């Protein structure tokens, strides 16, 4: 599971054997959330949340929006399509 970004000390992961649509798993502090990226233009959107506070989710969404081009590029590098 390649870590493609770090946001606020949290790992942003894309699993090589995962499915479309383009999305990332954000893992840390005993929590995990999944965000659809809506590549290539965004905005990222929360799909699943297991433990992050509402405030953390907002921060993660903001961080993903800033690094969306990179995250989408990594999805494309690993999976070939969005």
N, C-alpha and C. Protein backbone atom coordinates (compact mmCIF):
# COMPACT_ATOMS: atom_id res chain seq x y z
N UNK A 1 0.84 -1.18 0.00
CA UNK A 1 0.00 0.00 0.00
C UNK A 1 0.88 1.24 0.00
N UNK A 2 1.08 1.81 -1.15
CA UNK A 2 1.97 2.97 -1.25
C UNK A 2 1.38 4.22 -0.60
N UNK A 3 2.18 4.85 0.25
CA UNK A 3 1.81 6.15 0.78
C UNK A 3 2.18 7.18 -0.27
N UNK A 4 1.19 7.93 -0.76
CA UNK A 4 1.43 8.88 -1.84
C UNK A 4 1.54 10.32 -1.35
N UNK A 5 1.05 10.58 -0.15
CA UNK A 5 1.10 11.90 0.46
C UNK A 5 1.09 11.74 1.97
N UNK A 6 1.47 12.81 2.65
CA UNK A 6 1.26 12.92 4.09
C UNK A 6 0.55 14.25 4.31
N UNK A 7 -0.54 14.21 5.05
CA UNK A 7 -1.31 15.41 5.38
C UNK A 7 -1.46 15.45 6.89
N UNK A 8 -0.91 16.49 7.51
CA UNK A 8 -0.99 16.65 8.96
C UNK A 8 -0.53 15.41 9.70
N UNK A 9 0.50 14.75 9.17
CA UNK A 9 1.04 13.55 9.79
C UNK A 9 0.25 12.29 9.50
N UNK A 10 -0.78 12.38 8.69
CA UNK A 10 -1.62 11.23 8.32
C UNK A 10 -1.13 10.68 6.98
N UNK A 11 -1.20 9.37 6.83
CA UNK A 11 -0.80 8.74 5.57
C UNK A 11 -1.95 8.77 4.58
N UNK A 12 -1.67 9.15 3.35
CA UNK A 12 -2.63 9.11 2.26
C UNK A 12 -2.18 7.97 1.35
N UNK A 13 -3.03 6.95 1.23
CA UNK A 13 -2.65 5.69 0.61
C UNK A 13 -3.55 5.39 -0.58
N UNK A 14 -2.94 4.81 -1.63
CA UNK A 14 -3.69 4.25 -2.76
C UNK A 14 -3.29 2.78 -2.85
N UNK A 15 -4.26 1.91 -2.74
CA UNK A 15 -3.98 0.48 -2.83
C UNK A 15 -3.85 0.05 -4.29
N UNK A 16 -2.80 -0.70 -4.63
CA UNK A 16 -2.59 -1.10 -6.03
C UNK A 16 -3.70 -1.99 -6.59
N UNK A 17 -4.36 -2.76 -5.75
CA UNK A 17 -5.40 -3.67 -6.24
C UNK A 17 -6.81 -3.11 -6.02
N UNK A 18 -6.91 -1.78 -5.88
CA UNK A 18 -8.19 -1.16 -5.57
C UNK A 18 -9.00 -0.88 -6.84
N UNK A 19 -10.17 -0.35 -6.68
CA UNK A 19 -11.15 -0.17 -7.75
C UNK A 19 -11.40 1.31 -8.02
N UNK A 20 -12.02 1.61 -9.14
CA UNK A 20 -12.46 2.97 -9.44
C UNK A 20 -13.76 3.24 -8.70
N UNK A 21 -14.11 4.49 -8.50
CA UNK A 21 -13.49 5.71 -8.97
C UNK A 21 -12.22 6.01 -8.19
N UNK A 22 -11.43 6.96 -8.71
CA UNK A 22 -10.18 7.35 -8.06
C UNK A 22 -10.48 7.82 -6.64
N UNK A 23 -9.77 7.23 -5.69
CA UNK A 23 -9.97 7.59 -4.29
C UNK A 23 -8.70 7.30 -3.50
N UNK A 24 -8.64 7.84 -2.30
CA UNK A 24 -7.52 7.59 -1.40
C UNK A 24 -8.06 7.18 -0.04
N UNK A 25 -7.22 6.47 0.69
CA UNK A 25 -7.49 6.11 2.07
C UNK A 25 -6.58 6.97 2.92
N UNK A 26 -7.12 7.64 3.92
CA UNK A 26 -6.32 8.45 4.83
C UNK A 26 -6.31 7.72 6.17
N UNK A 27 -5.10 7.44 6.66
CA UNK A 27 -4.93 6.57 7.82
C UNK A 27 -4.05 7.25 8.86
N UNK A 28 -4.47 7.19 10.11
CA UNK A 28 -3.64 7.69 11.20
C UNK A 28 -4.43 7.88 12.47
N UNK A 29 -3.72 7.91 13.59
CA UNK A 29 -4.33 8.12 14.90
C UNK A 29 -5.45 7.11 15.19
N UNK A 30 -5.31 5.90 14.67
CA UNK A 30 -6.31 4.87 14.90
C UNK A 30 -7.58 5.04 14.08
N UNK A 31 -7.55 5.93 13.09
CA UNK A 31 -8.72 6.24 12.27
C UNK A 31 -8.41 5.96 10.80
N UNK A 32 -9.46 5.83 10.01
CA UNK A 32 -9.30 5.70 8.56
C UNK A 32 -10.53 6.31 7.89
N UNK A 33 -10.28 7.00 6.77
CA UNK A 33 -11.37 7.56 5.98
C UNK A 33 -11.02 7.37 4.51
N UNK A 34 -12.05 7.32 3.69
CA UNK A 34 -11.89 7.18 2.24
C UNK A 34 -12.49 8.41 1.59
N UNK A 35 -11.72 8.97 0.65
CA UNK A 35 -12.15 10.18 -0.05
C UNK A 35 -12.11 9.94 -1.54
N UNK A 36 -13.24 10.15 -2.23
CA UNK A 36 -13.25 10.15 -3.69
C UNK A 36 -12.57 11.44 -4.15
N UNK A 37 -11.72 11.33 -5.16
CA UNK A 37 -10.93 12.48 -5.61
C UNK A 37 -11.64 13.32 -6.66
N UNK A 38 -12.51 12.71 -7.45
CA UNK A 38 -13.17 13.40 -8.57
C UNK A 38 -12.14 14.01 -9.52
N UNK A 39 -11.17 13.18 -9.88
CA UNK A 39 -10.09 13.61 -10.79
C UNK A 39 -10.67 13.98 -12.15
N UNK A 40 -10.08 14.90 -12.81
CA UNK A 40 -8.86 15.61 -12.42
C UNK A 40 -9.12 16.94 -11.73
N UNK A 41 -10.37 17.39 -11.65
CA UNK A 41 -10.64 18.74 -11.16
C UNK A 41 -11.17 18.82 -9.73
N UNK A 42 -11.60 17.68 -9.16
CA UNK A 42 -12.11 17.72 -7.80
C UNK A 42 -13.51 18.29 -7.74
N UNK A 43 -13.96 18.65 -6.58
CA UNK A 43 -13.25 18.60 -5.31
C UNK A 43 -13.31 17.21 -4.69
N UNK A 44 -12.37 16.91 -3.80
CA UNK A 44 -12.44 15.64 -3.07
C UNK A 44 -13.70 15.60 -2.21
N UNK A 45 -14.16 14.38 -1.96
CA UNK A 45 -15.41 14.20 -1.22
C UNK A 45 -15.27 13.01 -0.27
N UNK A 46 -15.71 13.17 0.96
CA UNK A 46 -15.68 12.08 1.93
C UNK A 46 -16.65 10.98 1.49
N UNK A 47 -16.15 9.74 1.47
CA UNK A 47 -17.00 8.59 1.15
C UNK A 47 -17.27 7.74 2.39
N UNK A 48 -16.24 7.52 3.20
CA UNK A 48 -16.39 6.72 4.42
C UNK A 48 -15.51 7.34 5.50
N UNK A 49 -15.97 7.30 6.74
CA UNK A 49 -15.19 7.80 7.85
C UNK A 49 -15.29 6.84 9.02
N UNK A 50 -14.13 6.44 9.51
CA UNK A 50 -14.08 5.54 10.66
C UNK A 50 -13.21 6.18 11.73
N UNK A 51 -13.79 7.16 12.44
CA UNK A 51 -13.14 7.69 13.62
C UNK A 51 -12.64 9.11 13.58
N UNK A 52 -12.47 9.71 12.42
CA UNK A 52 -12.00 11.10 12.38
C UNK A 52 -13.12 12.04 12.81
N UNK A 53 -12.75 13.10 13.52
CA UNK A 53 -13.73 14.11 13.90
C UNK A 53 -14.13 14.93 12.67
N UNK A 54 -15.22 15.64 12.79
CA UNK A 54 -15.68 16.50 11.69
C UNK A 54 -14.60 17.53 11.34
N UNK A 55 -13.95 18.11 12.34
CA UNK A 55 -12.89 19.07 12.11
C UNK A 55 -11.71 18.46 11.37
N UNK A 56 -11.34 17.22 11.74
CA UNK A 56 -10.25 16.54 11.04
C UNK A 56 -10.62 16.29 9.58
N UNK A 57 -11.86 15.89 9.34
CA UNK A 57 -12.31 15.64 7.96
C UNK A 57 -12.19 16.90 7.12
N UNK A 58 -12.59 18.03 7.68
CA UNK A 58 -12.49 19.31 6.95
C UNK A 58 -11.03 19.62 6.62
N UNK A 59 -10.13 19.43 7.60
CA UNK A 59 -8.71 19.67 7.36
C UNK A 59 -8.16 18.74 6.28
N UNK A 60 -8.55 17.47 6.34
CA UNK A 60 -8.08 16.50 5.34
C UNK A 60 -8.59 16.89 3.96
N UNK A 61 -9.87 17.26 3.87
CA UNK A 61 -10.42 17.68 2.57
C UNK A 61 -9.65 18.88 2.01
N UNK A 62 -9.34 19.84 2.87
CA UNK A 62 -8.57 21.01 2.43
C UNK A 62 -7.19 20.59 1.94
N UNK A 63 -6.54 19.70 2.69
CA UNK A 63 -5.21 19.22 2.29
C UNK A 63 -5.24 18.46 0.99
N UNK A 64 -6.26 17.62 0.81
CA UNK A 64 -6.39 16.87 -0.44
C UNK A 64 -6.65 17.81 -1.62
N UNK A 65 -7.44 18.85 -1.39
CA UNK A 65 -7.72 19.80 -2.46
C UNK A 65 -6.44 20.49 -2.92
N UNK A 66 -5.57 20.84 -1.97
CA UNK A 66 -4.30 21.49 -2.30
C UNK A 66 -3.41 20.55 -3.12
N UNK A 67 -3.40 19.26 -2.78
CA UNK A 67 -2.54 18.29 -3.45
C UNK A 67 -3.29 17.40 -4.42
N UNK A 68 -4.42 17.87 -4.93
CA UNK A 68 -5.26 17.05 -5.81
C UNK A 68 -4.52 16.61 -7.07
N UNK A 69 -3.78 17.50 -7.68
CA UNK A 69 -3.06 17.15 -8.92
C UNK A 69 -2.10 16.00 -8.64
N UNK A 70 -1.40 16.08 -7.52
CA UNK A 70 -0.46 15.01 -7.17
C UNK A 70 -1.20 13.70 -6.89
N UNK A 71 -2.27 13.76 -6.09
CA UNK A 71 -3.03 12.56 -5.76
C UNK A 71 -3.61 11.91 -7.01
N UNK A 72 -4.17 12.71 -7.90
CA UNK A 72 -4.73 12.16 -9.15
C UNK A 72 -3.63 11.57 -10.03
N UNK A 73 -2.48 12.23 -10.05
CA UNK A 73 -1.35 11.70 -10.81
C UNK A 73 -0.89 10.36 -10.28
N UNK A 74 -0.87 10.21 -8.96
CA UNK A 74 -0.49 8.94 -8.35
C UNK A 74 -1.52 7.86 -8.65
N UNK A 75 -2.80 8.21 -8.59
CA UNK A 75 -3.84 7.23 -8.94
C UNK A 75 -3.62 6.75 -10.38
N UNK A 76 -3.39 7.68 -11.29
CA UNK A 76 -3.19 7.36 -12.70
C UNK A 76 -1.93 6.52 -12.88
N UNK A 77 -0.87 6.83 -12.15
CA UNK A 77 0.38 6.06 -12.25
C UNK A 77 0.16 4.62 -11.79
N UNK A 78 -0.61 4.44 -10.73
CA UNK A 78 -0.83 3.10 -10.17
C UNK A 78 -1.89 2.33 -10.94
N UNK A 79 -2.97 3.01 -11.38
CA UNK A 79 -4.12 2.32 -11.97
C UNK A 79 -4.32 2.59 -13.46
N UNK A 80 -3.72 3.65 -13.98
CA UNK A 80 -3.83 3.91 -15.41
C UNK A 80 -5.03 4.74 -15.82
N UNK A 81 -6.12 4.72 -15.07
CA UNK A 81 -7.30 5.52 -15.39
C UNK A 81 -7.92 6.04 -14.10
N UNK A 82 -8.81 6.99 -14.23
CA UNK A 82 -9.49 7.51 -13.06
C UNK A 82 -10.70 6.64 -12.76
